Protein backbone atom coordinates (compact mmCIF):
# COMPACT_ATOMS: atom_id res chain seq x y z
CA MET A 1 159.57 71.70 66.42
CA ARG A 2 157.68 74.03 68.73
CA PRO A 3 154.24 73.46 70.30
CA LEU A 4 151.27 74.74 68.33
CA ALA A 5 150.51 77.09 71.23
CA GLU A 6 153.63 79.09 70.25
CA PHE A 7 152.23 79.89 66.77
CA PRO A 8 151.79 83.67 67.18
CA PRO A 9 148.18 84.92 67.04
CA GLU A 10 149.14 87.71 64.64
CA ALA A 11 150.64 85.19 62.21
CA ARG A 12 147.52 83.01 62.44
CA ARG A 13 145.31 86.04 61.89
CA ALA A 14 147.20 87.01 58.73
CA LEU A 15 146.73 83.63 57.04
CA ARG A 16 145.15 83.52 53.61
CA GLY A 17 145.07 79.77 53.08
CA VAL A 18 145.49 76.31 54.56
CA LEU A 19 147.23 73.52 52.64
CA ALA A 20 147.15 70.00 54.06
CA ASP A 21 148.33 66.49 53.38
CA ILE A 22 145.57 63.87 53.65
CA ASP A 23 146.84 60.49 54.90
CA ASP A 24 147.60 60.57 58.63
CA THR A 25 147.16 64.37 58.64
CA LEU A 26 143.47 64.78 57.84
CA THR A 27 142.90 61.09 58.56
CA THR A 28 143.57 58.77 61.48
CA HIS A 29 144.28 55.11 60.72
CA GLY A 30 142.82 55.57 57.25
CA ARG A 31 139.61 57.27 58.37
CA LEU A 32 138.55 60.88 57.81
CA HIS A 33 137.06 61.80 61.17
CA ALA A 34 134.18 64.24 61.45
CA ALA A 35 136.31 66.75 63.35
CA ALA A 36 138.77 67.08 60.46
CA TYR A 37 136.05 67.35 57.82
CA ALA A 38 134.27 70.00 59.90
CA ALA A 39 137.58 71.81 60.27
CA LEU A 40 137.91 72.03 56.48
CA GLU A 41 134.38 73.36 56.21
CA ASN A 42 134.87 75.91 59.00
CA LEU A 43 138.14 77.18 57.57
CA ARG A 44 136.60 77.68 54.15
CA ALA A 45 133.52 79.35 55.64
CA ALA A 46 135.88 81.79 57.34
CA GLY A 47 137.17 82.88 53.93
CA LEU A 48 140.42 80.91 53.80
CA LEU A 49 141.60 79.00 50.75
CA VAL A 50 141.53 75.30 51.67
CA ILE A 51 143.55 72.94 49.49
CA PRO A 52 144.60 69.33 50.19
CA VAL A 53 148.03 68.46 48.77
CA THR A 54 148.28 64.69 48.62
CA GLY A 55 149.93 61.66 47.12
CA ARG A 56 146.55 60.05 46.55
CA PRO A 57 145.34 59.19 43.03
CA ALA A 58 143.42 61.11 40.39
CA GLY A 59 140.32 59.01 41.00
CA TRP A 60 140.19 60.10 44.61
CA CYS A 61 141.00 63.70 43.75
CA ASP A 62 138.09 63.92 41.31
CA HIS A 63 135.76 63.09 44.20
CA ILE A 64 137.57 65.40 46.65
CA ALA A 65 137.48 68.41 44.31
CA ARG A 66 133.78 67.91 43.61
CA MET A 67 132.42 66.98 47.02
CA TRP A 68 134.69 68.15 49.83
CA PRO A 69 134.62 71.72 51.20
CA VAL A 70 137.85 72.64 49.42
CA ASP A 71 138.93 75.11 46.74
CA ALA A 72 141.15 72.66 44.84
CA VAL A 73 143.26 69.56 45.38
CA VAL A 74 146.84 68.77 44.32
CA GLY A 75 147.24 65.04 43.70
CA GLU A 76 149.80 62.32 43.06
CA ASN A 77 152.52 64.39 44.75
CA GLY A 78 152.19 67.25 42.29
CA ALA A 79 151.26 65.52 39.02
CA PHE A 80 148.11 67.66 38.69
CA TRP A 81 145.53 69.73 40.43
CA PHE A 82 141.74 69.54 40.11
CA ARG A 83 139.31 72.34 40.93
CA HIS A 84 135.54 72.39 40.75
CA ASP A 85 134.33 75.54 39.00
CA ALA A 86 130.89 76.09 40.51
CA GLY A 87 130.14 78.96 38.14
CA GLN A 88 130.67 76.81 35.07
CA GLY A 89 129.44 73.64 36.75
CA ARG A 90 132.46 71.58 35.74
CA LEU A 91 135.66 70.06 37.03
CA VAL A 92 138.81 71.85 35.88
CA LYS A 93 141.83 69.53 35.50
CA ARG A 94 145.39 70.74 35.05
CA TYR A 95 148.22 68.24 34.49
CA VAL A 96 151.91 69.05 34.74
CA VAL A 97 152.71 66.46 32.02
CA GLY A 98 150.67 65.95 28.84
CA ASP A 99 148.46 62.94 28.06
CA ALA A 100 150.77 61.23 25.57
CA GLU A 101 153.81 61.50 27.80
CA ARG A 102 151.87 60.21 30.83
CA ALA A 103 150.76 57.17 28.82
CA ARG A 104 154.33 56.47 27.72
CA ARG A 105 155.63 56.71 31.26
CA ALA A 106 152.89 54.42 32.60
CA GLY A 107 154.20 51.54 30.50
CA ARG A 108 157.68 51.97 31.93
CA MET A 109 156.35 52.02 35.47
CA GLU A 110 154.66 48.64 35.06
CA ALA A 111 158.06 47.04 34.53
CA ILE A 112 159.52 48.91 37.50
CA ALA A 113 156.66 47.70 39.71
CA ALA A 114 157.36 44.11 38.71
CA ARG A 115 161.03 44.52 39.66
CA ILE A 116 160.15 46.00 43.06
CA LEU A 117 157.73 43.19 43.88
CA ALA A 118 160.40 40.65 42.98
CA GLU A 119 163.13 42.31 45.05
CA VAL A 120 161.23 43.48 48.14
CA PRO A 121 159.17 40.72 49.76
CA GLY A 122 156.00 41.81 51.51
CA CYS A 123 155.31 45.00 49.58
CA ALA A 124 152.49 45.38 47.06
CA VAL A 125 151.31 47.70 44.34
CA SER A 126 148.91 50.06 46.10
CA SER A 127 145.25 49.11 45.93
CA ASP A 128 144.51 52.58 44.52
CA GLN A 129 146.98 52.21 41.63
CA ALA A 130 144.16 51.62 39.13
CA TYR A 131 142.98 55.18 39.74
CA ARG A 132 146.39 56.81 39.24
CA GLU A 133 147.40 58.71 36.11
CA ALA A 134 151.03 59.68 36.65
CA ASP A 135 152.80 57.76 39.40
CA LEU A 136 153.51 54.35 40.87
CA ALA A 137 152.53 53.72 44.49
CA ILE A 138 154.07 50.82 46.40
CA ASP A 139 152.30 49.89 49.62
CA PHE A 140 154.46 49.17 52.65
CA ARG A 141 151.89 49.46 55.44
CA GLU A 142 148.37 50.32 54.27
CA ASP A 143 146.96 46.98 53.09
CA VAL A 144 150.03 44.87 53.87
CA PRO A 145 151.73 44.14 57.21
CA PRO A 146 154.15 47.00 57.95
CA LEU A 147 157.61 46.60 56.42
CA ASP A 148 160.78 47.68 58.19
CA ARG A 149 162.74 50.73 57.16
CA ALA A 150 165.35 48.70 55.33
CA ALA A 151 162.64 47.37 53.01
CA VAL A 152 161.25 50.86 52.45
CA ALA A 153 164.75 52.11 51.65
CA ARG A 154 165.15 49.28 49.15
CA ILE A 155 161.93 50.29 47.37
CA VAL A 156 163.24 53.84 47.14
CA ALA A 157 166.60 52.63 45.83
CA VAL A 158 165.02 50.53 43.08
CA MET A 159 162.81 53.40 41.97
CA GLU A 160 165.72 55.81 41.87
CA SER A 161 167.90 53.34 39.96
CA GLU A 162 165.17 53.24 37.30
CA GLY A 163 165.12 57.03 37.00
CA LEU A 164 162.06 57.74 39.12
CA THR A 165 161.72 60.47 41.70
CA ALA A 166 160.84 58.55 44.88
CA LYS A 167 159.11 59.93 47.97
CA VAL A 168 158.04 58.17 51.15
CA SER A 169 154.64 58.86 52.69
CA SER A 170 153.25 57.35 55.87
CA ILE A 171 151.90 54.35 53.92
CA HIS A 172 153.39 54.25 50.40
CA VAL A 173 156.53 54.89 48.43
CA ASN A 174 155.49 56.95 45.42
CA GLY A 175 157.60 57.14 42.27
CA TRP A 176 157.28 59.21 39.12
CA PHE A 177 159.25 60.51 36.16
CA GLY A 178 159.87 64.23 36.37
CA GLY A 179 161.14 66.90 38.71
CA TYR A 180 157.83 68.18 40.08
CA ASP A 181 156.73 67.75 43.68
CA LYS A 182 154.02 68.95 46.04
CA LEU A 183 155.59 72.39 46.35
CA SER A 184 156.28 73.11 42.67
CA THR A 185 152.71 72.28 41.65
CA THR A 186 151.22 74.16 44.59
CA ARG A 187 153.21 77.20 43.47
CA LEU A 188 151.95 76.83 39.87
CA MET A 189 148.35 76.24 40.91
CA LEU A 190 148.19 79.22 43.27
CA ALA A 191 149.63 81.49 40.58
CA GLU A 192 147.44 80.27 37.70
CA ASP A 193 144.11 79.79 39.44
CA PHE A 194 144.20 82.08 42.48
CA GLY A 195 146.55 84.91 41.50
CA VAL A 196 148.89 84.21 44.41
CA ASP A 197 152.67 84.63 44.22
CA ILE A 198 153.55 82.11 46.89
CA ASP A 199 157.16 83.23 47.04
CA ARG A 200 155.94 86.63 48.25
CA GLU A 201 153.13 85.30 50.41
CA ARG A 202 154.58 82.15 51.92
CA ASP A 203 154.01 83.45 55.45
CA ARG A 204 150.28 83.82 54.70
CA PHE A 205 149.79 80.10 54.12
CA VAL A 206 150.06 77.24 56.55
CA PHE A 207 150.87 73.70 55.47
CA ALA A 208 149.95 70.72 57.65
CA GLY A 209 151.62 67.35 57.13
CA ASP A 210 153.24 64.35 58.74
CA SER A 211 155.69 62.44 56.55
CA PRO A 212 158.89 62.62 54.46
CA ASN A 213 157.11 63.47 51.20
CA ASP A 214 155.93 66.67 52.89
CA GLN A 215 159.49 67.95 53.33
CA PRO A 216 159.45 70.43 50.39
CA MET A 217 156.42 72.06 52.00
CA PHE A 218 157.91 71.98 55.50
CA ALA A 219 161.10 73.62 54.23
CA PHE A 220 159.31 76.33 52.25
CA PHE A 221 156.50 77.49 54.51
CA PRO A 222 157.67 79.28 57.67
CA ASN A 223 154.37 78.44 59.37
CA ALA A 224 154.34 74.73 58.52
CA VAL A 225 152.67 72.53 61.14
CA GLY A 226 153.08 68.83 61.77
CA VAL A 227 150.37 66.76 63.40
CA ALA A 228 151.81 64.92 66.40
CA ASN A 229 152.56 61.71 64.50
CA VAL A 230 155.15 63.61 62.43
CA ARG A 231 157.55 62.53 65.18
CA GLU A 232 157.26 58.88 64.07
CA MET A 233 159.31 59.54 60.92
CA ALA A 234 161.16 62.68 62.00
CA ASP A 235 164.53 60.93 61.93
CA LEU A 236 164.06 60.34 58.19
CA MET A 237 163.52 64.04 57.46
CA ALA A 238 166.02 66.81 56.83
CA SER A 239 163.23 69.41 56.99
CA LEU A 240 160.69 69.50 59.80
CA PRO A 241 157.71 71.79 60.42
CA ARG A 242 158.10 74.74 62.75
CA TYR A 243 155.13 73.76 64.91
CA VAL A 244 153.53 70.50 66.04
CA THR A 245 150.00 69.84 67.30
CA PRO A 246 149.25 68.10 70.61
CA SER A 247 147.29 65.32 68.88
CA ALA A 248 147.84 63.04 65.90
CA GLY A 249 145.98 62.82 62.60
CA SER A 250 142.43 64.17 62.37
CA ALA A 251 142.40 65.47 65.93
CA GLY A 252 145.66 67.32 65.37
CA PHE A 253 144.38 68.98 62.22
CA ALA A 254 141.22 70.02 64.06
CA GLU A 255 143.42 71.59 66.75
CA LEU A 256 145.27 73.57 64.10
CA ALA A 257 142.01 74.76 62.54
CA ASP A 258 140.66 75.81 65.93
CA ALA A 259 143.85 77.79 66.60
CA ILE A 260 143.60 79.56 63.24
CA LEU A 261 139.92 80.39 63.64
CA ALA A 262 140.38 81.58 67.23
CA ALA A 263 142.82 84.24 66.03
CA ARG A 264 140.49 85.64 63.36
CA PRO A 265 138.00 88.44 63.99
CA ARG A 266 134.48 87.20 64.58
CA LYS A 267 132.02 88.14 61.83
């Protein structure tokens, strides 16, 4: 990983959009600081597409799509995206899996959650699970005392043995049925709603993240950026971002936004 200062000005100037994880990328210790929120607003005001790509639940994403200065939000690690259509005055929701199949899968995940709780002491079903529509989130350090890596690995192993795709974030292990991820749904969303062929324009988007579930994005986007705390879990990742900010969390994202905006022509 190279310092953010080495991100070439011409590459920053050519950017069309900014994609960002939320937990521990836009936030610091669970809080969205003013600097990061202002960074989102300033990026969007400069004409960039601004899209959070998160593991957080549908209930949160409804609020984010409606009230944050963003163009859309991808949630539950790629299960859907939501976008507020200001012209029509409504929230547009697009799910990767249909309603009936999501309901069927939810019943199976309840049994898997019970097995995980029985086999991995100290973990818990995430406090935001009630607002999820497509995945199971097991908390290993948000509202419970932090578990060691062996416990996290055991949660992953149980999920995978039950047929779930399992991804580790900075606070949860998320599991779901299906082959989608943050990248596949970002690709679909950009094509359907914004007319962007991301395979042709990957160098015109930056992705900011911090944890193992961001690896598909880190591997795909040549201008991926990690906030400084990406180093905490770097040994668990096969794919790392090209650049890293000086600061962690909210402050790091604000540094990235400042660098992008500094390279753009003043209006």
